[in-house]
Amino acid sequence: MPDWVRIIMNSTILIVVLFFLTKWLGKKQLSQLNIFEYITGIVLGGIVAIHASTLQFPLIYGLLAMLVWFLIPFGLEYLGLKSKKVRDFTQGKSTVIIQNGKIMEENLKKERYTADDLMENLRNRNIFRAADVEFAVLEPTGIINVLPKTEKQPLTAKDLDIKLAPKKEPQIVVMDGKVIHEGLANASLNINWLETELEKLQVSIENIFLGQVDSDGQLTVDLFDDKLTVPAPAQKQLLMASMKKVQADLELFALATDNNTSKNLYTKQSEQMQKVIQLTEDYLK
């Protein structure tokens, strides 16, 4: 067998093996890898590179070396799930670098972190003054997580005592001009609903690059042709307008009739509709 054929075969086998080993080791991003995982990744890549580009060593040697570098991290990761000591040893510990608004200089020195490094990470979180931070911790992955001081935190609906409707993740219902039935099912919708909504927008499924439906049942689409525009969803606004029209009509009916019973009924219904409008106004904005 020619050497170039063996190199292609070895490379293909090693790439496939490396792919599955990496998947079994986990799905962490590069920025989330701890020191041991980072070293493991480099060594596995080096093994693949050496045994894919040279025929000096049998392929089985490369596979055995990859197996060892897979089993050791996999075993330590399993033990780490059972023991915090093992986890602290392999993954490292978090280090507090700001506590009660005060920078812990000794901890920064211990982690070889400079003031410039600290400020750079704070600016990445839109914090430009260290004095605005109540608590900050340096994670083993090198990421700094920050808790701003109370007066520097953004207001939430809970702070303002506002009740909001629960939100669910938007579901993709059309992708690359094809219907995603799983997304429709997750949103408790069907193909008939989708076709009706697309008729309102006057677009066909084949012309849609991406279509999503939110928790309110509003469909938004992005077309392949960027020169075409699609109107924004307006179901909420239309519902609010319809409710206000009903309330206004009830008031007119009450003014137009001379029958006291009918007048009282229309007035009462108008007041109830007004209460509904007030309760749902924030949600339907």
C-alpha atoms as a PDB file:
ATOM      1  CA  MET A   1       0.000   0.000   0.000  1.00  0.00           C
ATOM      2  CA  PRO A   2       1.469   3.437  -0.941  1.00  0.00           C
ATOM      3  CA  ASP A   3       2.519   5.654   1.952  1.00  0.00           C
ATOM      4  CA  TRP A   4       0.196   8.458   0.901  1.00  0.00           C
ATOM      5  CA  VAL A   5      -2.787   6.106   1.090  1.00  0.00           C
ATOM      6  CA  ARG A   6      -1.740   4.987   4.584  1.00  0.00           C
ATOM      7  CA  ILE A   7      -1.422   8.612   5.711  1.00  0.00           C
ATOM      8  CA  ILE A   8      -4.937   9.389   4.435  1.00  0.00           C
ATOM      9  CA  MET A   9      -6.323   6.307   6.170  1.00  0.00           C
ATOM     10  CA  ASN A  10      -4.510   7.018   9.431  1.00  0.00           C
ATOM     11  CA  SER A  11      -5.634  10.664   9.404  1.00  0.00           C
ATOM     12  CA  THR A  12      -9.240   9.721   8.750  1.00  0.00           C
ATOM     13  CA  ILE A  13      -9.306   7.118  11.516  1.00  0.00           C
ATOM     14  CA  LEU A  14      -7.629   9.419  14.037  1.00  0.00           C
ATOM     15  CA  ILE A  15      -9.926  12.338  13.234  1.00  0.00           C
ATOM     16  CA  VAL A  16     -12.991  10.151  13.701  1.00  0.00           C
ATOM     17  CA  VAL A  17     -11.669   8.772  16.992  1.00  0.00           C
ATOM     18  CA  LEU A  18     -10.706  12.260  18.222  1.00  0.00           C
ATOM     19  CA  PHE A  19     -14.168  13.571  17.338  1.00  0.00           C
ATOM     20  CA  PHE A  20     -15.932  10.946  19.444  1.00  0.00           C
ATOM     21  CA  LEU A  21     -13.472  11.206  22.333  1.00  0.00           C
ATOM     22  CA  THR A  22     -13.979  14.965  22.448  1.00  0.00           C
ATOM     23  CA  LYS A  23     -17.762  14.544  22.444  1.00  0.00           C
ATOM     24  CA  TRP A  24     -17.593  12.030  25.284  1.00  0.00           C
ATOM     25  CA  LEU A  25     -15.375  14.315  27.335  1.00  0.00           C
ATOM     26  CA  GLY A  26     -18.055  17.028  27.368  1.00  0.00           C
ATOM     27  CA  LYS A  27     -19.378  20.112  25.606  1.00  0.00           C
ATOM     28  CA  LYS A  28     -17.516  22.908  27.332  1.00  0.00           C
ATOM     29  CA  GLN A  29     -16.400  25.919  25.306  1.00  0.00           C
ATOM     30  CA  LEU A  30     -12.711  26.720  25.054  1.00  0.00           C
ATOM     31  CA  SER A  31     -13.122  29.628  27.509  1.00  0.00           C
ATOM     32  CA  GLN A  32     -14.658  27.224  30.052  1.00  0.00           C
ATOM     33  CA  LEU A  33     -11.915  24.584  29.986  1.00  0.00           C
ATOM     34  CA  ASN A  34      -9.912  24.137  33.155  1.00  0.00           C
ATOM     35  CA  ILE A  35      -6.140  23.603  33.111  1.00  0.00           C
ATOM     36  CA  PHE A  36      -6.311  19.804  32.986  1.00  0.00           C
ATOM     37  CA  GLU A  37      -8.875  19.782  30.164  1.00  0.00           C
ATOM     38  CA  TYR A  38      -6.818  22.347  28.249  1.00  0.00           C
ATOM     39  CA  ILE A  39      -3.680  20.186  28.521  1.00  0.00           C
ATOM     40  CA  THR A  40      -5.639  17.090  27.499  1.00  0.00           C
ATOM     41  CA  GLY A  41      -6.908  18.823  24.380  1.00  0.00           C
ATOM     42  CA  ILE A  42      -3.399  19.896  23.355  1.00  0.00           C
ATOM     43  CA  VAL A  43      -1.927  16.432  23.911  1.00  0.00           C
ATOM     44  CA  LEU A  44      -4.697  14.652  22.006  1.00  0.00           C
ATOM     45  CA  GLY A  45      -4.244  17.071  19.129  1.00  0.00           C
ATOM     46  CA  GLY A  46      -0.496  16.473  19.195  1.00  0.00           C
ATOM     47  CA  ILE A  47      -0.934  12.710  19.133  1.00  0.00           C
ATOM     48  CA  VAL A  48      -3.224  12.943  16.140  1.00  0.00           C
ATOM     49  CA  ALA A  49      -0.830  15.278  14.315  1.00  0.00           C
ATOM     50  CA  ILE A  50       2.193  13.027  14.893  1.00  0.00           C
ATOM     51  CA  HIS A  51       0.561   9.750  13.933  1.00  0.00           C
ATOM     52  CA  ALA A  52      -1.328  11.234  10.987  1.00  0.00           C
ATOM     53  CA  SER A  53       1.721  12.789   9.345  1.00  0.00           C
ATOM     54  CA  THR A  54       4.308  10.077   9.882  1.00  0.00           C
ATOM     55  CA  LEU A  55       4.465   6.335   9.286  1.00  0.00           C
ATOM     56  CA  GLN A  56       7.340   5.781  11.706  1.00  0.00           C
ATOM     57  CA  PHE A  57       5.018   4.403  14.404  1.00  0.00           C
ATOM     58  CA  PRO A  58       2.162   1.930  13.979  1.00  0.00           C
ATOM     59  CA  LEU A  59      -1.323   3.384  14.087  1.00  0.00           C
ATOM     60  CA  ILE A  60      -2.197   1.240  17.090  1.00  0.00           C
ATOM     61  CA  TYR A  61       0.353   3.189  19.177  1.00  0.00           C
ATOM     62  CA  GLY A  62      -1.465   6.417  18.451  1.00  0.00           C
ATOM     63  CA  LEU A  63      -4.835   4.881  19.285  1.00  0.00           C
ATOM     64  CA  LEU A  64      -3.479   3.504  22.582  1.00  0.00           C
ATOM     65  CA  ALA A  65      -2.005   6.879  23.527  1.00  0.00           C
ATOM     66  CA  MET A  66      -5.325   8.603  22.745  1.00  0.00           C
ATOM     67  CA  LEU A  67      -7.175   5.998  24.791  1.00  0.00           C
ATOM     68  CA  VAL A  68      -4.947   6.667  27.809  1.00  0.00           C
ATOM     69  CA  TRP A  69      -5.395  10.442  27.508  1.00  0.00           C
ATOM     70  CA  PHE A  70      -9.137   9.869  27.257  1.00  0.00           C
ATOM     71  CA  LEU A  71      -9.532   7.446  30.161  1.00  0.00           C
ATOM     72  CA  ILE A  72      -7.534   9.486  32.687  1.00  0.00           C
ATOM     73  CA  PRO A  73      -9.497  12.766  32.236  1.00  0.00           C
ATOM     74  CA  PHE A  74     -12.766  10.820  31.971  1.00  0.00           C
ATOM     75  CA  GLY A  75     -11.987   8.963  35.203  1.00  0.00           C
ATOM     76  CA  LEU A  76     -10.985  12.135  37.038  1.00  0.00           C
ATOM     77  CA  GLU A  77     -14.125  13.871  35.826  1.00  0.00           C
ATOM     78  CA  TYR A  78     -16.225  10.995  37.141  1.00  0.00           C
ATOM     79  CA  LEU A  79     -14.420  11.088  40.502  1.00  0.00           C
ATOM     80  CA  GLY A  80     -14.912  14.866  40.562  1.00  0.00           C
ATOM     81  CA  LEU A  81     -18.664  14.350  40.434  1.00  0.00           C
ATOM     82  CA  LYS A  82     -18.369  12.285  43.608  1.00  0.00           C
ATOM     83  CA  SER A  83     -15.689  14.202  45.506  1.00  0.00           C
ATOM     84  CA  LYS A  84     -15.217  17.942  45.922  1.00  0.00           C
ATOM     85  CA  LYS A  85     -11.547  17.419  46.847  1.00  0.00           C
ATOM     86  CA  VAL A  86     -10.867  15.752  43.510  1.00  0.00           C
ATOM     87  CA  ARG A  87     -12.839  18.462  41.743  1.00  0.00           C
ATOM     88  CA  ASP A  88     -10.888  21.222  43.468  1.00  0.00           C
ATOM     89  CA  PHE A  89      -7.600  19.516  42.578  1.00  0.00           C
ATOM     90  CA  THR A  90      -8.339  18.996  38.881  1.00  0.00           C
ATOM     91  CA  GLN A  91     -10.489  22.036  38.168  1.00  0.00           C
ATOM     92  CA  GLY A  92      -9.181  24.522  40.705  1.00  0.00           C
ATOM     93  CA  LYS A  93     -11.068  26.815  43.081  1.00  0.00           C
ATOM     94  CA  SER A  94     -12.754  30.132  42.635  1.00  0.00           C
ATOM     95  CA  THR A  95     -10.935  33.119  44.133  1.00  0.00           C
ATOM     96  CA  VAL A  96     -12.684  36.139  45.621  1.00  0.00           C
ATOM     97  CA  ILE A  97     -11.042  39.308  44.287  1.00  0.00           C
ATOM     98  CA  ILE A  98     -13.567  41.930  45.427  1.00  0.00           C
ATOM     99  CA  GLN A  99     -15.497  41.564  48.672  1.00  0.00           C
ATOM    100  CA  ASN A 100     -17.781  44.112  50.327  1.00  0.00           C
ATOM    101  CA  GLY A 101     -16.660  46.646  47.724  1.00  0.00           C
ATOM    102  CA  LYS A 102     -12.946  46.224  48.568  1.00  0.00           C
ATOM    103  CA  ILE A 103     -10.363  44.806  46.176  1.00  0.00           C
ATOM    104  CA  MET A 104      -8.504  41.812  47.660  1.00  0.00           C
ATOM    105  CA  GLU A 105      -4.971  42.671  46.533  1.00  0.00           C
ATOM    106  CA  GLU A 106      -3.397  39.569  48.069  1.00  0.00           C
ATOM    107  CA  ASN A 107      -5.762  37.295  46.155  1.00  0.00           C
ATOM    108  CA  LEU A 108      -4.970  39.157  42.939  1.00  0.00           C
ATOM    109  CA  LYS A 109      -1.248  38.624  43.499  1.00  0.00           C
ATOM    110  CA  LYS A 110      -1.847  34.969  44.275  1.00  0.00           C
ATOM    111  CA  GLU A 111      -3.598  34.513  40.930  1.00  0.00           C
ATOM    112  CA  ARG A 112      -1.009  36.706  39.123  1.00  0.00           C
ATOM    113  CA  TYR A 113      -3.750  39.151  38.202  1.00  0.00           C
ATOM    114  CA  THR A 114      -2.913  42.799  37.692  1.00  0.00           C
ATOM    115  CA  ALA A 115      -5.144  45.824  38.149  1.00  0.00           C
ATOM    116  CA  ASP A 116      -5.215  46.153  34.350  1.00  0.00           C
ATOM    117  CA  ASP A 117      -6.480  42.575  34.020  1.00  0.00           C
ATOM    118  CA  LEU A 118      -9.156  43.267  36.610  1.00  0.00           C
ATOM    119  CA  MET A 119     -10.372  46.467  34.953  1.00  0.00           C
ATOM    120  CA  GLU A 120     -10.385  44.840  31.515  1.00  0.00           C
ATOM    121  CA  ASN A 121     -12.703  42.105  32.743  1.00  0.00           C
ATOM    122  CA  LEU A 122     -14.938  44.599  34.531  1.00  0.00           C
ATOM    123  CA  ARG A 123     -15.222  46.699  31.385  1.00  0.00           C
ATOM    124  CA  ASN A 124     -16.263  43.556  29.478  1.00  0.00           C
ATOM    125  CA  ARG A 125     -19.278  43.547  31.828  1.00  0.00           C
ATOM    126  CA  ASN A 126     -20.002  47.248  31.267  1.00  0.00           C
ATOM    127  CA  ILE A 127     -18.559  48.205  34.650  1.00  0.00           C
ATOM    128  CA  PHE A 128     -16.011  51.017  34.420  1.00  0.00           C
ATOM    129  CA  ARG A 129     -15.492  51.718  38.124  1.00  0.00           C
ATOM    130  CA  ALA A 130     -14.252  49.118  40.584  1.00  0.00           C
ATOM    131  CA  ALA A 131     -16.082  51.093  43.286  1.00  0.00           C
ATOM    132  CA  ASP A 132     -19.396  50.030  41.705  1.00  0.00           C
ATOM    133  CA  VAL A 133     -18.711  46.349  42.473  1.00  0.00           C
ATOM    134  CA  GLU A 134     -19.926  44.720  45.664  1.00  0.00           C
ATOM    135  CA  PHE A 135     -18.522  41.251  45.019  1.00  0.00           C
ATOM    136  CA  ALA A 136     -16.406  39.645  42.295  1.00  0.00           C
ATOM    137  CA  VAL A 137     -14.964  36.170  41.972  1.00  0.00           C
ATOM    138  CA  LEU A 138     -12.327  34.794  39.597  1.00  0.00           C
ATOM    139  CA  GLU A 139     -13.451  31.397  38.322  1.00  0.00           C
ATOM    140  CA  PRO A 140     -11.007  28.549  37.545  1.00  0.00           C
ATOM    141  CA  THR A 141     -11.681  29.145  33.831  1.00  0.00           C
ATOM    142  CA  GLY A 142     -10.309  32.699  34.132  1.00  0.00           C
ATOM    143  CA  ILE A 143     -13.729  34.371  33.902  1.00  0.00           C
ATOM    144  CA  ILE A 144     -14.655  37.036  36.440  1.00  0.00           C
ATOM    145  CA  ASN A 145     -18.248  37.015  37.680  1.00  0.00           C
ATOM    146  CA  VAL A 146     -19.431  40.269  39.185  1.00  0.00           C
ATOM    147  CA  LEU A 147     -22.212  41.391  41.531  1.00  0.00           C
ATOM    148  CA  PRO A 148     -22.695  45.177  41.228  1.00  0.00           C
ATOM    149  CA  LYS A 149     -23.706  47.202  44.241  1.00  0.00           C
ATOM    150  CA  THR A 150     -27.442  47.389  44.823  1.00  0.00           C
ATOM    151  CA  GLU A 151     -27.780  50.992  43.664  1.00  0.00           C
ATOM    152  CA  LYS A 152     -25.873  50.132  40.467  1.00  0.00           C
ATOM    153  CA  GLN A 153     -28.055  47.178  39.489  1.00  0.00           C
ATOM    154  CA  PRO A 154     -30.733  47.702  36.812  1.00  0.00           C
ATOM    155  CA  LEU A 155     -34.336  47.838  37.969  1.00  0.00           C
ATOM    156  CA  THR A 156     -36.436  44.737  37.403  1.00  0.00           C
ATOM    157  CA  ALA A 157     -40.159  44.218  37.110  1.00  0.00           C
ATOM    158  CA  LYS A 158     -40.116  42.794  40.622  1.00  0.00           C
ATOM    159  CA  ASP A 159     -38.504  45.963  41.987  1.00  0.00           C
ATOM    160  CA  LEU A 160     -41.304  47.990  40.402  1.00  0.00           C
ATOM    161  CA  ASP A 161     -43.961  45.517  41.595  1.00  0.00           C
ATOM    162  CA  ILE A 162     -45.026  44.805  38.023  1.00  0.00           C
ATOM    163  CA  LYS A 163     -46.395  41.395  37.144  1.00  0.00           C
ATOM    164  CA  LEU A 164     -45.331  40.129  33.746  1.00  0.00           C
ATOM    165  CA  ALA A 165     -46.646  37.207  31.785  1.00  0.00           C
ATOM    166  CA  PRO A 166     -44.309  34.201  31.661  1.00  0.00           C
ATOM    167  CA  LYS A 167     -42.128  33.939  28.576  1.00  0.00           C
ATOM    168  CA  LYS A 168     -41.128  30.797  26.754  1.00  0.00           C
ATOM    169  CA  GLU A 169     -38.269  30.349  24.337  1.00  0.00           C
ATOM    170  CA  PRO A 170     -39.071  31.288  20.717  1.00  0.00           C
ATOM    171  CA  GLN A 171     -39.516  28.282  18.475  1.00  0.00           C
ATOM    172  CA  ILE A 172     -38.091  27.974  14.962  1.00  0.00           C
ATOM    173  CA  VAL A 173     -40.936  26.919  12.658  1.00  0.00           C
ATOM    174  CA  VAL A 174     -39.327  27.592   9.256  1.00  0.00           C
ATOM    175  CA  MET A 175     -35.675  27.222   8.300  1.00  0.00           C
ATOM    176  CA  ASP A 176     -34.127  27.395   4.837  1.00  0.00           C
ATOM    177  CA  GLY A 177     -37.550  27.362   3.211  1.00  0.00           C
ATOM    178  CA  LYS A 178     -38.702  24.209   5.025  1.00  0.00           C
ATOM    179  CA  VAL A 179     -41.213  23.731   7.824  1.00  0.00           C
ATOM    180  CA  ILE A 180     -39.776  22.649  11.185  1.00  0.00           C
ATOM    181  CA  HIS A 181     -42.546  20.468  12.563  1.00  0.00           C
ATOM    182  CA  GLU A 182     -40.786  20.008  15.903  1.00  0.00           C
ATOM    183  CA  GLY A 183     -40.884  23.769  16.509  1.00  0.00           C
ATOM    184  CA  LEU A 184     -44.592  23.908  15.646  1.00  0.00           C
ATOM    185  CA  ALA A 185     -45.295  21.050  18.051  1.00  0.00           C
ATOM    186  CA  ASN A 186     -43.301  22.702  20.856  1.00  0.00           C
ATOM    187  CA  ALA A 187     -45.363  25.873  20.364  1.00  0.00           C
ATOM    188  CA  SER A 188     -48.613  23.835  20.325  1.00  0.00           C
ATOM    189  CA  LEU A 189     -49.304  24.976  16.756  1.00  0.00           C
ATOM    190  CA  ASN A 190     -49.888  23.210  13.458  1.00  0.00           C
ATOM    191  CA  ILE A 191     -49.181  23.651   9.771  1.00  0.00           C
ATOM    192  CA  ASN A 192     -52.627  25.160   9.143  1.00  0.00           C
ATOM    193  CA  TRP A 193     -51.891  27.985  11.566  1.00  0.00           C
ATOM    194  CA  LEU A 194     -48.544  28.610   9.877  1.00  0.00           C
ATOM    195  CA  GLU A 195     -50.092  28.742   6.409  1.00  0.00           C
ATOM    196  CA  THR A 196     -52.755  31.187   7.646  1.00  0.00           C
ATOM    197  CA  GLU A 197     -50.141  33.497   9.163  1.00  0.00           C
ATOM    198  CA  LEU A 198     -48.013  33.393   6.013  1.00  0.00           C
ATOM    199  CA  GLU A 199     -51.059  34.311   3.931  1.00  0.00           C
ATOM    200  CA  LYS A 200     -51.485  37.397   6.096  1.00  0.00           C
ATOM    201  CA  LEU A 201     -47.843  38.318   5.425  1.00  0.00           C
ATOM    202  CA  GLN A 202     -48.232  37.431   1.738  1.00  0.00           C
ATOM    203  CA  VAL A 203     -45.071  35.281   1.659  1.00  0.00           C
ATOM    204  CA  SER A 204     -44.509  31.628   0.828  1.00  0.00           C
ATOM    205  CA  ILE A 205     -42.565  29.129   2.882  1.00  0.00           C
ATOM    206  CA  GLU A 206     -39.972  28.679   0.115  1.00  0.00           C
ATOM    207  CA  ASN A 207     -38.977  32.359   0.393  1.00  0.00           C
ATOM    208  CA  ILE A 208     -38.315  32.255   4.144  1.00  0.00           C
ATOM    209  CA  PHE A 209     -34.793  31.865   5.460  1.00  0.00           C
ATOM    210  CA  LEU A 210     -35.833  31.793   9.134  1.00  0.00           C
ATOM    211  CA  GLY A 211     -39.243  31.929  10.806  1.00  0.00           C
ATOM    212  CA  GLN A 212     -39.799  32.041  14.565  1.00  0.00           C
ATOM    213  CA  VAL A 213     -42.863  32.173  16.770  1.00  0.00           C
ATOM    214  CA  ASP A 214     -42.687  33.663  20.276  1.00  0.00           C
ATOM    215  CA  SER A 215     -44.596  32.689  23.407  1.00  0.00           C
ATOM    216  CA  ASP A 216     -47.385  35.114  22.406  1.00  0.00           C
ATOM    217  CA  GLY A 217     -47.957  33.280  19.142  1.00  0.00           C
ATOM    218  CA  GLN A 218     -46.494  36.061  16.999  1.00  0.00           C
ATOM    219  CA  LEU A 219     -44.671  34.963  13.861  1.00  0.00           C
ATOM    220  CA  THR A 220     -41.582  36.814  12.643  1.00  0.00           C
ATOM    221  CA  VAL A 221     -39.826  35.871   9.410  1.00  0.00           C
ATOM    222  CA  ASP A 222     -36.579  36.723   7.636  1.00  0.00           C
ATOM    223  CA  LEU A 223     -36.634  36.320   3.859  1.00  0.00           C
ATOM    224  CA  PHE A 224     -33.888  35.165   1.519  1.00  0.00           C
ATOM    225  CA  ASP A 225     -34.346  38.388  -0.444  1.00  0.00           C
ATOM    226  CA  ASP A 226     -33.120  41.160   1.879  1.00  0.00           C
ATOM    227  CA  LYS A 227     -34.657  43.794  -0.389  1.00  0.00           C
ATOM    228  CA  LEU A 228     -38.159  42.664   0.551  1.00  0.00           C
ATOM    229  CA  THR A 229     -39.721  43.840   3.807  1.00  0.00           C
ATOM    230  CA  VAL A 230     -42.273  42.049   5.932  1.00  0.00           C
ATOM    231  CA  PRO A 231     -44.571  43.902   8.347  1.00  0.00           C
ATOM    232  CA  ALA A 232     -43.801  43.418  12.025  1.00  0.00           C
ATOM    233  CA  PRO A 233     -46.213  41.312  14.106  1.00  0.00           C
ATOM    234  CA  ALA A 234     -49.165  43.399  15.272  1.00  0.00           C
ATOM    235  CA  GLN A 235     -51.488  40.888  16.945  1.00  0.00           C
ATOM    236  CA  LYS A 236     -51.154  42.533  20.341  1.00  0.00           C
ATOM    237  CA  GLN A 237     -51.763  46.031  19.014  1.00  0.00           C
ATOM    238  CA  LEU A 238     -54.779  44.840  17.002  1.00  0.00           C
ATOM    239  CA  LEU A 239     -56.232  43.093  20.050  1.00  0.00           C
ATOM    240  CA  MET A 240     -55.828  46.212  22.174  1.00  0.00           C
ATOM    241  CA  ALA A 241     -57.405  48.357  19.464  1.00  0.00           C
ATOM    242  CA  SER A 242     -60.351  45.946  19.204  1.00  0.00           C
ATOM    243  CA  MET A 243     -60.883  46.001  22.973  1.00  0.00           C
ATOM    244  CA  LYS A 244     -60.853  49.805  23.048  1.00  0.00           C
ATOM    245  CA  LYS A 245     -63.323  49.914  20.168  1.00  0.00           C
ATOM    246  CA  VAL A 246     -65.665  47.553  22.020  1.00  0.00           C
ATOM    247  CA  GLN A 247     -65.434  49.712  25.137  1.00  0.00           C
ATOM    248  CA  ALA A 248     -66.122  52.879  23.147  1.00  0.00           C
ATOM    249  CA  ASP A 249     -69.091  51.235  21.381  1.00  0.00           C
ATOM    250  CA  LEU A 250     -70.604  50.218  24.714  1.00  0.00           C
ATOM    251  CA  GLU A 251     -70.344  53.799  25.928  1.00  0.00           C
ATOM    252  CA  LEU A 252     -72.071  55.030  22.764  1.00  0.00           C
ATOM    253  CA  PHE A 253     -74.825  52.459  23.135  1.00  0.00           C
ATOM    254  CA  ALA A 254     -75.392  53.621  26.711  1.00  0.00           C
ATOM    255  CA  LEU A 255     -75.697  57.241  25.587  1.00  0.00           C
ATOM    256  CA  ALA A 256     -77.923  56.406  22.623  1.00  0.00           C
ATOM    257  CA  THR A 257     -80.638  54.439  24.459  1.00  0.00           C
ATOM    258  CA  ASP A 258     -83.444  55.838  26.587  1.00  0.00           C
ATOM    259  CA  ASN A 259     -84.123  52.504  28.245  1.00  0.00           C
ATOM    260  CA  ASN A 260     -82.693  52.674  31.763  1.00  0.00           C
ATOM    261  CA  THR A 261     -82.209  48.924  31.987  1.00  0.00           C
ATOM    262  CA  SER A 262     -80.249  48.836  28.733  1.00  0.00           C
ATOM    263  CA  LYS A 263     -78.338  51.981  29.678  1.00  0.00           C
ATOM    264  CA  ASN A 264     -77.240  50.456  33.009  1.00  0.00           C
ATOM    265  CA  LEU A 265     -76.256  47.208  31.275  1.00  0.00           C
ATOM    266  CA  TYR A 266     -74.174  48.964  28.612  1.00  0.00           C
ATOM    267  CA  THR A 267     -72.543  51.190  31.244  1.00  0.00           C
ATOM    268  CA  LYS A 268     -71.671  48.215  33.444  1.00  0.00           C
ATOM    269  CA  GLN A 269     -70.222  46.272  30.507  1.00  0.00           C
ATOM    270  CA  SER A 270     -68.226  49.324  29.420  1.00  0.00           C
ATOM    271  CA  GLU A 271     -66.732  49.676  32.909  1.00  0.00           C
ATOM    272  CA  GLN A 272     -65.803  45.988  32.964  1.00  0.00           C
ATOM    273  CA  MET A 273     -64.156  46.266  29.569  1.00  0.00           C
ATOM    274  CA  GLN A 274     -62.208  49.286  30.800  1.00  0.00           C
ATOM    275  CA  LYS A 275     -60.899  47.235  33.731  1.00  0.00           C
ATOM    276  CA  VAL A 276     -59.806  44.487  31.327  1.00  0.00           C
ATOM    277  CA  ILE A 277     -57.989  47.061  29.207  1.00  0.00           C
ATOM    278  CA  GLN A 278     -56.178  48.441  32.252  1.00  0.00           C
ATOM    279  CA  LEU A 279     -55.141  44.944  33.396  1.00  0.00           C
ATOM    280  CA  THR A 280     -53.783  43.923  29.999  1.00  0.00           C
ATOM    281  CA  GLU A 281     -52.409  47.243  28.744  1.00  0.00           C
ATOM    282  CA  ASP A 282     -48.815  46.608  29.874  1.00  0.00           C
ATOM    283  CA  TYR A 283     -48.868  43.124  28.392  1.00  0.00           C
ATOM    284  CA  LEU A 284     -50.352  44.178  25.045  1.00  0.00           C
ATOM    285  CA  LYS A 285     -48.079  47.179  24.479  1.00  0.00           C
END
